[in-house]
Amino acid sequence: FDPRHYAGTHCYGFPKTGPHRLRFLLESVKDLRETLKKKGSTLVVRKGKPEDVVCDLITQLGCVGVVAFHEEVREVLSWFKGKISEVSSA
């Protein structure tokens, strides 16, 4: 979970995610985790900026073969890919 989604935005100071949407997201993640558990898998959930969380995972695991993103905003995706490239080339 990216904390920036729960803070005020530059548009009138409203949060990107309000309490009802947050509850929906938490319930959805809980349901997904339970479904995966029944199938013998698991779901790892992290809190933090995605660029930091993915960098930490790369450091902890030594390498990551595949990283998938949901494209929210093209500019953010381009910036994020640049950050990942910096870490993976270091």
N, C-alpha and C. Protein backbone atom coordinates (compact mmCIF):
# COMPACT_ATOMS: atom_id res chain seq x y z
N PHE A 1 0.84 -1.18 0.00
CA PHE A 1 0.00 0.00 0.00
C PHE A 1 0.88 1.24 0.00
N ASP A 2 0.65 2.09 -0.96
CA ASP A 2 1.43 3.32 -1.11
C ASP A 2 0.79 4.40 -0.24
N PRO A 3 1.50 4.90 0.78
CA PRO A 3 0.93 5.90 1.68
C PRO A 3 0.52 7.19 0.97
N ARG A 4 1.09 7.44 -0.20
CA ARG A 4 0.72 8.65 -0.94
C ARG A 4 -0.72 8.62 -1.43
N HIS A 5 -1.31 7.43 -1.50
CA HIS A 5 -2.70 7.31 -1.94
C HIS A 5 -3.69 7.69 -0.84
N TYR A 6 -3.20 7.86 0.36
CA TYR A 6 -4.09 8.15 1.49
C TYR A 6 -3.85 9.53 2.07
N ALA A 7 -2.96 10.28 1.44
CA ALA A 7 -2.69 11.65 1.88
C ALA A 7 -3.44 12.62 0.97
N GLY A 8 -3.44 13.86 1.33
CA GLY A 8 -4.07 14.87 0.49
C GLY A 8 -3.36 14.99 -0.84
N THR A 9 -4.10 15.30 -1.87
CA THR A 9 -3.52 15.47 -3.19
C THR A 9 -3.33 16.95 -3.48
N HIS A 10 -2.78 17.23 -4.62
CA HIS A 10 -2.62 18.62 -5.03
C HIS A 10 -3.95 19.22 -5.49
N CYS A 11 -4.95 18.39 -5.66
CA CYS A 11 -6.27 18.86 -6.11
C CYS A 11 -7.18 19.07 -4.90
N TYR A 12 -7.19 20.24 -4.38
CA TYR A 12 -8.09 20.63 -3.29
C TYR A 12 -7.82 19.91 -1.97
N GLY A 13 -6.71 19.19 -1.85
CA GLY A 13 -6.35 18.54 -0.59
C GLY A 13 -7.15 17.30 -0.25
N PHE A 14 -7.96 16.80 -1.19
CA PHE A 14 -8.73 15.58 -0.93
C PHE A 14 -7.84 14.36 -1.10
N PRO A 15 -8.04 13.33 -0.29
CA PRO A 15 -7.23 12.12 -0.45
C PRO A 15 -7.61 11.38 -1.73
N LYS A 16 -6.63 10.69 -2.32
CA LYS A 16 -6.91 9.88 -3.49
C LYS A 16 -7.82 8.71 -3.11
N THR A 17 -7.66 8.25 -1.89
CA THR A 17 -8.44 7.11 -1.40
C THR A 17 -9.12 7.51 -0.10
N GLY A 18 -10.44 7.51 -0.10
CA GLY A 18 -11.20 7.83 1.09
C GLY A 18 -11.44 6.60 1.94
N PRO A 19 -12.13 6.75 3.06
CA PRO A 19 -12.34 5.64 3.99
C PRO A 19 -13.13 4.48 3.39
N HIS A 20 -14.11 4.75 2.55
CA HIS A 20 -14.92 3.67 1.97
C HIS A 20 -14.11 2.86 0.96
N ARG A 21 -13.35 3.57 0.14
CA ARG A 21 -12.51 2.86 -0.83
C ARG A 21 -11.42 2.08 -0.13
N LEU A 22 -10.85 2.65 0.93
CA LEU A 22 -9.82 1.94 1.69
C LEU A 22 -10.38 0.66 2.29
N ARG A 23 -11.56 0.73 2.87
CA ARG A 23 -12.17 -0.47 3.44
C ARG A 23 -12.39 -1.53 2.35
N PHE A 24 -12.87 -1.10 1.18
CA PHE A 24 -13.06 -2.01 0.06
C PHE A 24 -11.73 -2.66 -0.34
N LEU A 25 -10.67 -1.86 -0.45
CA LEU A 25 -9.37 -2.40 -0.81
C LEU A 25 -8.87 -3.42 0.21
N LEU A 26 -9.01 -3.09 1.49
CA LEU A 26 -8.55 -4.01 2.54
C LEU A 26 -9.34 -5.31 2.52
N GLU A 27 -10.65 -5.21 2.32
CA GLU A 27 -11.47 -6.42 2.24
C GLU A 27 -11.10 -7.25 1.01
N SER A 28 -10.81 -6.59 -0.10
CA SER A 28 -10.44 -7.29 -1.32
C SER A 28 -9.10 -8.01 -1.17
N VAL A 29 -8.14 -7.33 -0.54
CA VAL A 29 -6.83 -7.95 -0.33
C VAL A 29 -6.95 -9.13 0.63
N LYS A 30 -7.76 -8.98 1.66
CA LYS A 30 -7.98 -10.08 2.61
C LYS A 30 -8.60 -11.28 1.89
N ASP A 31 -9.59 -11.02 1.05
CA ASP A 31 -10.24 -12.10 0.29
C ASP A 31 -9.26 -12.77 -0.66
N LEU A 32 -8.44 -11.97 -1.35
CA LEU A 32 -7.44 -12.54 -2.25
C LEU A 32 -6.45 -13.41 -1.50
N ARG A 33 -6.00 -12.93 -0.34
CA ARG A 33 -5.05 -13.72 0.46
C ARG A 33 -5.67 -15.06 0.88
N GLU A 34 -6.93 -15.02 1.32
CA GLU A 34 -7.61 -16.25 1.73
C GLU A 34 -7.79 -17.21 0.55
N THR A 35 -8.14 -16.67 -0.61
CA THR A 35 -8.30 -17.51 -1.80
C THR A 35 -6.97 -18.15 -2.19
N LEU A 36 -5.91 -17.38 -2.19
CA LEU A 36 -4.59 -17.92 -2.52
C LEU A 36 -4.15 -18.97 -1.51
N LYS A 37 -4.45 -18.73 -0.24
CA LYS A 37 -4.08 -19.69 0.80
C LYS A 37 -4.76 -21.04 0.57
N LYS A 38 -6.03 -21.01 0.17
CA LYS A 38 -6.77 -22.25 -0.12
C LYS A 38 -6.14 -23.01 -1.29
N LYS A 39 -5.45 -22.28 -2.17
CA LYS A 39 -4.81 -22.89 -3.33
C LYS A 39 -3.34 -23.22 -3.08
N GLY A 40 -2.91 -23.05 -1.83
CA GLY A 40 -1.54 -23.39 -1.47
C GLY A 40 -0.52 -22.29 -1.74
N SER A 41 -0.97 -21.08 -1.91
CA SER A 41 -0.07 -19.98 -2.18
C SER A 41 -0.23 -18.93 -1.09
N THR A 42 0.33 -17.76 -1.29
CA THR A 42 0.22 -16.70 -0.30
C THR A 42 0.27 -15.34 -1.00
N LEU A 43 0.02 -14.33 -0.25
CA LEU A 43 0.09 -12.96 -0.76
C LEU A 43 0.89 -12.14 0.22
N VAL A 44 1.93 -11.51 -0.27
CA VAL A 44 2.75 -10.64 0.56
C VAL A 44 2.29 -9.21 0.31
N VAL A 45 1.97 -8.51 1.37
CA VAL A 45 1.51 -7.13 1.27
C VAL A 45 2.52 -6.25 2.00
N ARG A 46 2.93 -5.21 1.34
CA ARG A 46 3.88 -4.28 1.94
C ARG A 46 3.28 -2.89 1.97
N LYS A 47 3.71 -2.10 2.94
CA LYS A 47 3.30 -0.70 3.04
C LYS A 47 4.53 0.15 2.78
N GLY A 48 4.39 1.10 1.89
CA GLY A 48 5.49 2.00 1.59
C GLY A 48 5.43 2.45 0.15
N LYS A 49 6.34 3.30 -0.20
CA LYS A 49 6.40 3.76 -1.58
C LYS A 49 6.85 2.58 -2.45
N PRO A 50 6.13 2.30 -3.53
CA PRO A 50 6.48 1.14 -4.35
C PRO A 50 7.94 1.13 -4.80
N GLU A 51 8.47 2.29 -5.16
CA GLU A 51 9.86 2.32 -5.60
C GLU A 51 10.82 1.90 -4.49
N ASP A 52 10.49 2.18 -3.24
CA ASP A 52 11.31 1.74 -2.11
C ASP A 52 11.08 0.27 -1.80
N VAL A 53 9.82 -0.15 -1.81
CA VAL A 53 9.48 -1.54 -1.47
C VAL A 53 10.10 -2.50 -2.48
N VAL A 54 9.98 -2.19 -3.77
CA VAL A 54 10.55 -3.07 -4.80
C VAL A 54 12.07 -3.09 -4.69
N CYS A 55 12.68 -1.95 -4.44
CA CYS A 55 14.14 -1.90 -4.25
C CYS A 55 14.56 -2.76 -3.07
N ASP A 56 13.82 -2.70 -1.98
CA ASP A 56 14.12 -3.53 -0.82
C ASP A 56 13.98 -5.01 -1.15
N LEU A 57 12.94 -5.37 -1.91
CA LEU A 57 12.76 -6.77 -2.30
C LEU A 57 13.91 -7.25 -3.18
N ILE A 58 14.34 -6.41 -4.12
CA ILE A 58 15.46 -6.77 -4.97
C ILE A 58 16.71 -7.00 -4.13
N THR A 59 16.93 -6.12 -3.15
CA THR A 59 18.09 -6.26 -2.28
C THR A 59 17.99 -7.54 -1.43
N GLN A 60 16.81 -7.79 -0.86
CA GLN A 60 16.61 -8.96 0.00
C GLN A 60 16.72 -10.27 -0.78
N LEU A 61 16.17 -10.31 -1.98
CA LEU A 61 16.12 -11.55 -2.75
C LEU A 61 17.33 -11.74 -3.65
N GLY A 62 18.09 -10.70 -3.86
CA GLY A 62 19.25 -10.80 -4.72
C GLY A 62 18.94 -10.50 -6.17
N CYS A 63 17.77 -10.89 -6.63
CA CYS A 63 17.36 -10.55 -7.99
C CYS A 63 15.87 -10.81 -8.12
N VAL A 64 15.28 -10.15 -9.05
CA VAL A 64 13.87 -10.33 -9.33
C VAL A 64 13.75 -10.51 -10.83
N GLY A 65 13.16 -11.63 -11.25
CA GLY A 65 13.04 -11.91 -12.67
C GLY A 65 11.92 -11.14 -13.33
N VAL A 66 10.82 -10.98 -12.65
CA VAL A 66 9.66 -10.31 -13.23
C VAL A 66 9.04 -9.39 -12.20
N VAL A 67 8.77 -8.17 -12.61
CA VAL A 67 8.06 -7.22 -11.76
C VAL A 67 6.91 -6.69 -12.60
N ALA A 68 5.68 -6.79 -12.09
CA ALA A 68 4.50 -6.33 -12.83
C ALA A 68 3.92 -5.10 -12.16
N PHE A 69 3.42 -4.19 -12.97
CA PHE A 69 2.83 -2.96 -12.46
C PHE A 69 1.46 -2.76 -13.07
N HIS A 70 0.61 -2.14 -12.29
CA HIS A 70 -0.65 -1.66 -12.83
C HIS A 70 -0.40 -0.21 -13.20
N GLU A 71 -0.61 0.13 -14.44
CA GLU A 71 -0.30 1.46 -14.92
C GLU A 71 -1.38 2.44 -14.51
N GLU A 72 -1.07 3.31 -13.58
CA GLU A 72 -2.02 4.32 -13.14
C GLU A 72 -1.83 5.61 -13.92
N VAL A 73 -0.59 6.04 -14.04
CA VAL A 73 -0.28 7.27 -14.74
C VAL A 73 1.03 7.04 -15.49
N ARG A 74 1.04 7.34 -16.77
CA ARG A 74 2.23 7.07 -17.58
C ARG A 74 3.48 7.75 -17.04
N GLU A 75 3.36 8.98 -16.56
CA GLU A 75 4.54 9.69 -16.06
C GLU A 75 5.10 8.99 -14.83
N VAL A 76 4.23 8.53 -13.96
CA VAL A 76 4.67 7.84 -12.75
C VAL A 76 5.33 6.52 -13.13
N LEU A 77 4.76 5.81 -14.07
CA LEU A 77 5.33 4.54 -14.50
C LEU A 77 6.73 4.73 -15.08
N SER A 78 6.91 5.74 -15.90
CA SER A 78 8.23 6.01 -16.49
C SER A 78 9.25 6.34 -15.39
N TRP A 79 8.85 7.17 -14.45
CA TRP A 79 9.74 7.53 -13.34
C TRP A 79 10.10 6.29 -12.52
N PHE A 80 9.10 5.45 -12.25
CA PHE A 80 9.29 4.25 -11.44
C PHE A 80 10.24 3.27 -12.14
N LYS A 81 10.07 3.09 -13.43
CA LYS A 81 10.95 2.20 -14.18
C LYS A 81 12.39 2.69 -14.11
N GLY A 82 12.58 4.01 -14.17
CA GLY A 82 13.92 4.57 -14.04
C GLY A 82 14.54 4.26 -12.70
N LYS A 83 13.74 4.35 -11.63
CA LYS A 83 14.24 4.05 -10.28
C LYS A 83 14.64 2.58 -10.18
N ILE A 84 13.82 1.68 -10.74
CA ILE A 84 14.11 0.25 -10.69
C ILE A 84 15.39 -0.04 -11.48
N SER A 85 15.55 0.60 -12.63
CA SER A 85 16.77 0.41 -13.43
C SER A 85 18.00 0.84 -12.66
N GLU A 86 17.91 1.95 -11.93
CA GLU A 86 19.03 2.43 -11.13
C GLU A 86 19.44 1.38 -10.10
N VAL A 87 18.47 0.81 -9.41
CA VAL A 87 18.77 -0.17 -8.36
C VAL A 87 19.30 -1.46 -8.94
N SER A 88 18.68 -1.93 -10.02
CA SER A 88 19.09 -3.22 -10.58
C SER A 88 20.46 -3.14 -11.26
N SER A 89 20.88 -1.95 -11.68
CA SER A 89 22.22 -1.82 -12.29
C SER A 89 23.30 -1.55 -11.26
N ALA A 90 22.91 -1.27 -10.03
CA ALA A 90 23.89 -0.95 -8.98
C ALA A 90 24.56 -2.18 -8.42
